[in-house]
PDB file of N, CA and C in Angstrom:
ATOM      1  N   PHE A   1     235.420 -18.724-136.913  1.00  0.00           N
ATOM      2  CA  PHE A   1     236.202 -17.461-136.815  1.00  0.00           C
ATOM      3  C   PHE A   1     236.242 -16.723-138.158  1.00  0.00           C
ATOM      4  N   TRP A   2     236.634 -17.458-139.171  1.00  0.00           N
ATOM      5  CA  TRP A   2     236.788 -16.808-140.554  1.00  0.00           C
ATOM      6  C   TRP A   2     235.419 -16.354-141.064  1.00  0.00           C
ATOM      7  N   TRP A   3     234.393 -17.134-140.728  1.00  0.00           N
ATOM      8  CA  TRP A   3     233.094 -16.728-141.243  1.00  0.00           C
ATOM      9  C   TRP A   3     232.594 -15.437-140.535  1.00  0.00           C
ATOM     10  N   SER A   4     232.957 -15.315-139.281  1.00  0.00           N
ATOM     11  CA  SER A   4     232.573 -14.122-138.544  1.00  0.00           C
ATOM     12  C   SER A   4     233.240 -12.896-139.226  1.00  0.00           C
ATOM     13  N   LEU A   5     234.437 -13.095-139.656  1.00  0.00           N
ATOM     14  CA  LEU A   5     235.144 -11.940-140.323  1.00  0.00           C
ATOM     15  C   LEU A   5     234.406 -11.580-141.604  1.00  0.00           C
ATOM     16  N   LEU A   6     234.063 -12.573-142.348  1.00  0.00           N
ATOM     17  CA  LEU A   6     233.384 -12.330-143.628  1.00  0.00           C
ATOM     18  C   LEU A   6     232.064 -11.555-143.350  1.00  0.00           C
ATOM     19  N   VAL A   7     231.347 -11.994-142.349  1.00  0.00           N
ATOM     20  CA  VAL A   7     230.037 -11.429-142.022  1.00  0.00           C
ATOM     21  C   VAL A   7     230.348 -10.001-141.623  1.00  0.00           C
ATOM     22  N   GLY A   8     231.346  -9.687-140.857  1.00  0.00           N
ATOM     23  CA  GLY A   8     231.658  -8.387-140.438  1.00  0.00           C
ATOM     24  C   GLY A   8     231.955  -7.470-141.668  1.00  0.00           C
ATOM     25  N   VAL A   9     232.703  -8.013-142.596  1.00  0.00           N
ATOM     26  CA  VAL A   9     233.033  -7.226-143.795  1.00  0.00           C
ATOM     27  C   VAL A   9     231.811  -6.891-144.534  1.00  0.00           C
ATOM     28  N   ASP A  10     230.883  -7.940-144.718  1.00  0.00           N
ATOM     29  CA  ASP A  10     229.637  -7.753-145.457  1.00  0.00           C
ATOM     30  C   ASP A  10     228.773  -6.754-144.765  1.00  0.00           C
ATOM     31  N   TRP A  11     228.809  -6.720-143.420  1.00  0.00           N
ATOM     32  CA  TRP A  11     227.981  -5.782-142.646  1.00  0.00           C
ATOM     33  C   TRP A  11     228.419  -4.364-142.851  1.00  0.00           C
ATOM     34  N   TRP A  12     229.796  -4.203-142.769  1.00  0.00           N
ATOM     35  CA  TRP A  12     230.305  -2.859-142.939  1.00  0.00           C
ATOM     36  C   TRP A  12     230.126  -2.362-144.388  1.00  0.00           C
ATOM     37  N   ASP A  13     230.208  -3.342-145.375  1.00  0.00           N
ATOM     38  CA  ASP A  13     230.043  -2.929-146.722  1.00  0.00           C
ATOM     39  C   ASP A  13     228.640  -2.459-146.919  1.00  0.00           C
ATOM     40  N   ALA A  14     227.637  -3.138-146.270  1.00  0.00           N
ATOM     41  CA  ALA A  14     226.205  -2.761-146.381  1.00  0.00           C
ATOM     42  C   ALA A  14     225.976  -1.375-145.782  1.00  0.00           C
ATOM     43  N   VAL A  15     226.623  -1.105-144.646  1.00  0.00           N
ATOM     44  CA  VAL A  15     226.524   0.161-143.951  1.00  0.00           C
ATOM     45  C   VAL A  15     227.098   1.213-144.822  1.00  0.00           C
ATOM     46  N   GLY A  16     228.237   0.962-145.493  1.00  0.00           N
ATOM     47  CA  GLY A  16     228.907   1.997-146.312  1.00  0.00           C
ATOM     48  C   GLY A  16     227.964   2.294-147.542  1.00  0.00           C
ATOM     49  N   CYS A  17     227.335   1.249-148.081  1.00  0.00           N
ATOM     50  CA  CYS A  17     226.456   1.527-149.253  1.00  0.00           C
ATOM     51  C   CYS A  17     225.250   2.323-148.844  1.00  0.00           C
ATOM     52  N   ALA A  18     224.737   2.031-147.636  1.00  0.00           N
ATOM     53  CA  ALA A  18     223.518   2.762-147.091  1.00  0.00           C
ATOM     54  C   ALA A  18     223.889   4.240-146.909  1.00  0.00           C
ATOM     55  N   GLN A  19     225.050   4.460-146.310  1.00  0.00           N
ATOM     56  CA  GLN A  19     225.469   5.859-146.052  1.00  0.00           C
ATOM     57  C   GLN A  19     225.690   6.601-147.389  1.00  0.00           C
ATOM     58  N   SER A  20     226.251   5.963-148.358  1.00  0.00           N
ATOM     59  CA  SER A  20     226.519   6.597-149.680  1.00  0.00           C
ATOM     60  C   SER A  20     225.164   6.920-150.308  1.00  0.00           C
ATOM     61  N   ALA A  21     224.223   5.988-150.208  1.00  0.00           N
ATOM     62  CA  ALA A  21     222.884   6.220-150.804  1.00  0.00           C
ATOM     63  C   ALA A  21     222.202   7.460-150.094  1.00  0.00           C
ATOM     64  N   THR A  22     222.362   7.508-148.808  1.00  0.00           N
ATOM     65  CA  THR A  22     221.726   8.580-148.033  1.00  0.00           C
ATOM     66  C   THR A  22     222.352   9.924-148.412  1.00  0.00           C
ATOM     67  N   GLU A  23     223.693   9.935-148.603  1.00  0.00           N
ATOM     68  CA  GLU A  23     224.390  11.198-148.897  1.00  0.00           C
ATOM     69  C   GLU A  23     223.958  11.625-150.338  1.00  0.00           C
ATOM     70  N   ASP A  24     223.759  10.676-151.216  1.00  0.00           N
ATOM     71  CA  ASP A  24     223.367  11.001-152.610  1.00  0.00           C
ATOM     72  C   ASP A  24     221.889  11.384-152.725  1.00  0.00           C
ATOM     73  N   GLY A  25     221.169  11.217-151.568  1.00  0.00           N
ATOM     74  CA  GLY A  25     219.775  11.605-151.578  1.00  0.00           C
ATOM     75  C   GLY A  25     218.883  10.517-152.225  1.00  0.00           C
ATOM     76  N   ILE A  26     219.405   9.331-152.354  1.00  0.00           N
ATOM     77  CA  ILE A  26     218.540   8.212-152.922  1.00  0.00           C
ATOM     78  C   ILE A  26     217.746   7.571-151.782  1.00  0.00           C
TER      79      ILE A  26
END
């Protein structure tokens, strides 16, 4: 259960970084 939460956080963090990179034009 706890590991699934950590994976979810990592996934959302990766998505957020990808969106930020896209907005910055990188």
